[in-house]
Amino acid sequence: MLKHCRKYLNWIQNSVFEGEISNSKLTELLDTAYEIMDDETDSIIVFKSRNQEWLEKEILGFERQSTGNIL
């Protein structure tokens, strides 16, 4: 799953990814992710924002990869 998600988004930590993605690319990512994941034990949570002004991000400690967008 890590390799798959890194094709579309920036890897932040363990199972956390963020980035800007179009609706069609998000659909593509999720369709393949559903095929990979075990729906009995795994889950995917998608956070969306229409406007970056509504986002406030505070990072404590080491920032793995600097990005300004969140998904």
N, C-alpha and C. Protein backbone atom coordinates (compact mmCIF):
# COMPACT_ATOMS: atom_id res chain seq x y z
N MET A 1 0.83 -1.18 0.00
CA MET A 1 0.00 0.00 0.00
C MET A 1 0.88 1.25 0.00
N LEU A 2 1.99 1.20 0.74
CA LEU A 2 2.90 2.35 0.80
C LEU A 2 3.36 2.75 -0.60
N LYS A 3 3.82 1.79 -1.38
CA LYS A 3 4.29 2.09 -2.74
C LYS A 3 3.16 2.66 -3.59
N HIS A 4 1.98 2.12 -3.43
CA HIS A 4 0.84 2.58 -4.22
C HIS A 4 0.49 4.03 -3.87
N CYS A 5 0.37 4.34 -2.60
CA CYS A 5 -0.01 5.69 -2.18
C CYS A 5 1.07 6.72 -2.52
N ARG A 6 2.33 6.31 -2.48
CA ARG A 6 3.42 7.24 -2.79
C ARG A 6 3.42 7.65 -4.26
N LYS A 7 2.73 6.92 -5.10
CA LYS A 7 2.61 7.31 -6.51
C LYS A 7 1.76 8.57 -6.66
N TYR A 8 0.89 8.83 -5.69
CA TYR A 8 -0.08 9.92 -5.79
C TYR A 8 0.15 11.04 -4.77
N LEU A 9 0.69 10.70 -3.59
CA LEU A 9 0.76 11.64 -2.47
C LEU A 9 2.14 11.63 -1.83
N ASN A 10 2.37 12.57 -0.95
CA ASN A 10 3.62 12.64 -0.19
C ASN A 10 3.47 11.85 1.10
N TRP A 11 4.46 11.00 1.35
CA TRP A 11 4.44 10.17 2.56
C TRP A 11 4.92 11.03 3.73
N ILE A 12 4.10 11.16 4.76
CA ILE A 12 4.41 11.98 5.91
C ILE A 12 4.98 11.15 7.05
N GLN A 13 4.28 10.11 7.46
CA GLN A 13 4.77 9.20 8.49
C GLN A 13 3.95 7.93 8.44
N ASN A 14 4.56 6.82 8.75
CA ASN A 14 3.91 5.51 8.76
C ASN A 14 2.76 5.42 7.76
N SER A 15 1.54 5.50 8.16
CA SER A 15 0.40 5.35 7.26
C SER A 15 -0.28 6.68 6.96
N VAL A 16 0.47 7.76 6.95
CA VAL A 16 -0.10 9.09 6.72
C VAL A 16 0.49 9.68 5.45
N PHE A 17 -0.42 10.13 4.57
CA PHE A 17 -0.02 10.74 3.31
C PHE A 17 -0.77 12.06 3.16
N GLU A 18 -0.16 13.02 2.47
CA GLU A 18 -0.85 14.27 2.20
C GLU A 18 -0.44 14.77 0.84
N GLY A 19 -1.29 15.63 0.29
CA GLY A 19 -0.97 16.22 -1.00
C GLY A 19 -2.21 16.70 -1.70
N GLU A 20 -1.97 17.37 -2.79
CA GLU A 20 -3.05 17.86 -3.63
C GLU A 20 -3.28 16.82 -4.73
N ILE A 21 -4.54 16.46 -4.94
CA ILE A 21 -4.85 15.39 -5.89
C ILE A 21 -6.19 15.71 -6.56
N SER A 22 -6.28 15.43 -7.84
CA SER A 22 -7.54 15.67 -8.56
C SER A 22 -8.55 14.59 -8.17
N ASN A 23 -9.82 14.86 -8.44
CA ASN A 23 -10.87 13.87 -8.14
C ASN A 23 -10.65 12.58 -8.91
N SER A 24 -10.24 12.68 -10.17
CA SER A 24 -10.03 11.46 -10.96
C SER A 24 -8.85 10.64 -10.44
N LYS A 25 -7.77 11.31 -10.01
CA LYS A 25 -6.62 10.59 -9.45
C LYS A 25 -6.97 9.99 -8.09
N LEU A 26 -7.78 10.69 -7.30
CA LEU A 26 -8.22 10.14 -6.01
C LEU A 26 -9.05 8.89 -6.22
N THR A 27 -9.95 8.92 -7.19
CA THR A 27 -10.76 7.74 -7.51
C THR A 27 -9.87 6.58 -7.94
N GLU A 28 -8.89 6.87 -8.76
CA GLU A 28 -7.93 5.85 -9.23
C GLU A 28 -7.17 5.27 -8.04
N LEU A 29 -6.67 6.13 -7.16
CA LEU A 29 -5.93 5.68 -5.97
C LEU A 29 -6.81 4.78 -5.11
N LEU A 30 -8.05 5.23 -4.82
CA LEU A 30 -8.93 4.47 -3.93
C LEU A 30 -9.39 3.16 -4.54
N ASP A 31 -9.67 3.14 -5.84
CA ASP A 31 -10.09 1.89 -6.48
C ASP A 31 -9.03 0.81 -6.32
N THR A 32 -7.78 1.16 -6.57
CA THR A 32 -6.70 0.18 -6.43
C THR A 32 -6.45 -0.14 -4.96
N ALA A 33 -6.55 0.85 -4.09
CA ALA A 33 -6.34 0.61 -2.66
C ALA A 33 -7.36 -0.39 -2.12
N TYR A 34 -8.60 -0.29 -2.55
CA TYR A 34 -9.63 -1.24 -2.11
C TYR A 34 -9.30 -2.67 -2.53
N GLU A 35 -8.64 -2.81 -3.66
CA GLU A 35 -8.23 -4.15 -4.12
C GLU A 35 -7.10 -4.70 -3.26
N ILE A 36 -6.22 -3.82 -2.78
CA ILE A 36 -5.05 -4.23 -2.00
C ILE A 36 -5.41 -4.51 -0.54
N MET A 37 -6.27 -3.68 0.04
CA MET A 37 -6.54 -3.74 1.47
C MET A 37 -7.45 -4.90 1.87
N ASP A 38 -7.35 -5.27 3.14
CA ASP A 38 -8.25 -6.25 3.74
C ASP A 38 -9.35 -5.47 4.43
N ASP A 39 -10.54 -5.47 3.86
CA ASP A 39 -11.62 -4.63 4.40
C ASP A 39 -12.16 -5.11 5.74
N GLU A 40 -11.68 -6.23 6.24
CA GLU A 40 -12.04 -6.71 7.57
C GLU A 40 -11.18 -6.04 8.65
N THR A 41 -9.96 -5.65 8.29
CA THR A 41 -9.04 -5.11 9.30
C THR A 41 -8.45 -3.75 8.94
N ASP A 42 -8.46 -3.36 7.68
CA ASP A 42 -7.84 -2.12 7.24
C ASP A 42 -8.89 -1.04 6.98
N SER A 43 -8.45 0.20 6.99
CA SER A 43 -9.35 1.30 6.66
C SER A 43 -8.56 2.43 6.00
N ILE A 44 -9.28 3.25 5.27
CA ILE A 44 -8.71 4.44 4.64
C ILE A 44 -9.60 5.61 5.04
N ILE A 45 -8.97 6.67 5.51
CA ILE A 45 -9.69 7.89 5.88
C ILE A 45 -9.17 9.02 5.01
N VAL A 46 -10.07 9.70 4.32
CA VAL A 46 -9.70 10.79 3.43
C VAL A 46 -10.24 12.09 4.02
N PHE A 47 -9.35 13.05 4.21
CA PHE A 47 -9.74 14.39 4.66
C PHE A 47 -9.64 15.32 3.47
N LYS A 48 -10.70 16.08 3.20
CA LYS A 48 -10.73 16.97 2.05
C LYS A 48 -10.94 18.40 2.52
N SER A 49 -10.37 19.33 1.78
CA SER A 49 -10.59 20.75 2.03
C SER A 49 -10.69 21.46 0.69
N ARG A 50 -11.68 22.30 0.55
CA ARG A 50 -11.85 23.03 -0.70
C ARG A 50 -10.99 24.28 -0.75
N ASN A 51 -10.53 24.71 0.41
CA ASN A 51 -9.80 25.96 0.47
C ASN A 51 -8.65 25.83 1.45
N GLN A 52 -7.43 26.08 0.99
CA GLN A 52 -6.26 25.92 1.84
C GLN A 52 -6.25 26.92 3.00
N GLU A 53 -6.99 28.02 2.89
CA GLU A 53 -7.06 29.00 3.97
C GLU A 53 -7.67 28.41 5.24
N TRP A 54 -8.45 27.35 5.11
CA TRP A 54 -9.10 26.72 6.26
C TRP A 54 -8.18 25.73 6.97
N LEU A 55 -7.02 25.48 6.41
CA LEU A 55 -6.11 24.50 6.99
C LEU A 55 -5.09 25.18 7.89
N GLU A 56 -4.88 24.60 9.03
CA GLU A 56 -3.81 25.04 9.91
C GLU A 56 -3.04 23.79 10.29
N LYS A 57 -1.75 23.80 10.04
CA LYS A 57 -0.94 22.62 10.28
C LYS A 57 0.20 22.99 11.22
N GLU A 58 0.32 22.27 12.31
CA GLU A 58 1.41 22.47 13.26
C GLU A 58 2.18 21.18 13.36
N ILE A 59 3.48 21.25 13.21
CA ILE A 59 4.32 20.06 13.24
C ILE A 59 5.24 20.14 14.44
N LEU A 60 5.25 19.10 15.24
CA LEU A 60 6.16 18.98 16.37
C LEU A 60 7.18 17.91 16.03
N GLY A 61 8.43 18.17 16.25
CA GLY A 61 9.46 17.18 15.96
C GLY A 61 9.88 17.22 14.51
N PHE A 62 10.42 16.14 14.03
CA PHE A 62 11.00 16.03 12.69
C PHE A 62 9.91 15.97 11.63
N GLU A 63 9.99 16.85 10.63
CA GLU A 63 9.06 16.83 9.50
C GLU A 63 9.70 15.99 8.40
N ARG A 64 9.10 14.84 8.10
CA ARG A 64 9.68 13.92 7.13
C ARG A 64 9.82 14.57 5.75
N GLN A 65 8.78 15.23 5.30
CA GLN A 65 8.79 15.87 3.99
C GLN A 65 7.97 17.14 4.07
N SER A 66 8.56 18.24 3.67
CA SER A 66 7.86 19.51 3.78
C SER A 66 6.86 19.68 2.64
N THR A 67 5.57 19.81 3.00
CA THR A 67 4.53 20.09 2.03
C THR A 67 3.56 21.06 2.65
N GLY A 68 2.85 21.78 1.83
CA GLY A 68 1.89 22.74 2.35
C GLY A 68 0.46 22.29 2.23
N ASN A 69 0.21 21.16 1.63
CA ASN A 69 -1.16 20.70 1.38
C ASN A 69 -1.46 19.45 2.18
N ILE A 70 -2.72 19.25 2.45
CA ILE A 70 -3.15 18.07 3.18
C ILE A 70 -4.35 17.45 2.47
N LEU A 71 -4.38 16.16 2.52
CA LEU A 71 -5.53 15.44 1.99
C LEU A 71 -6.08 14.56 3.06
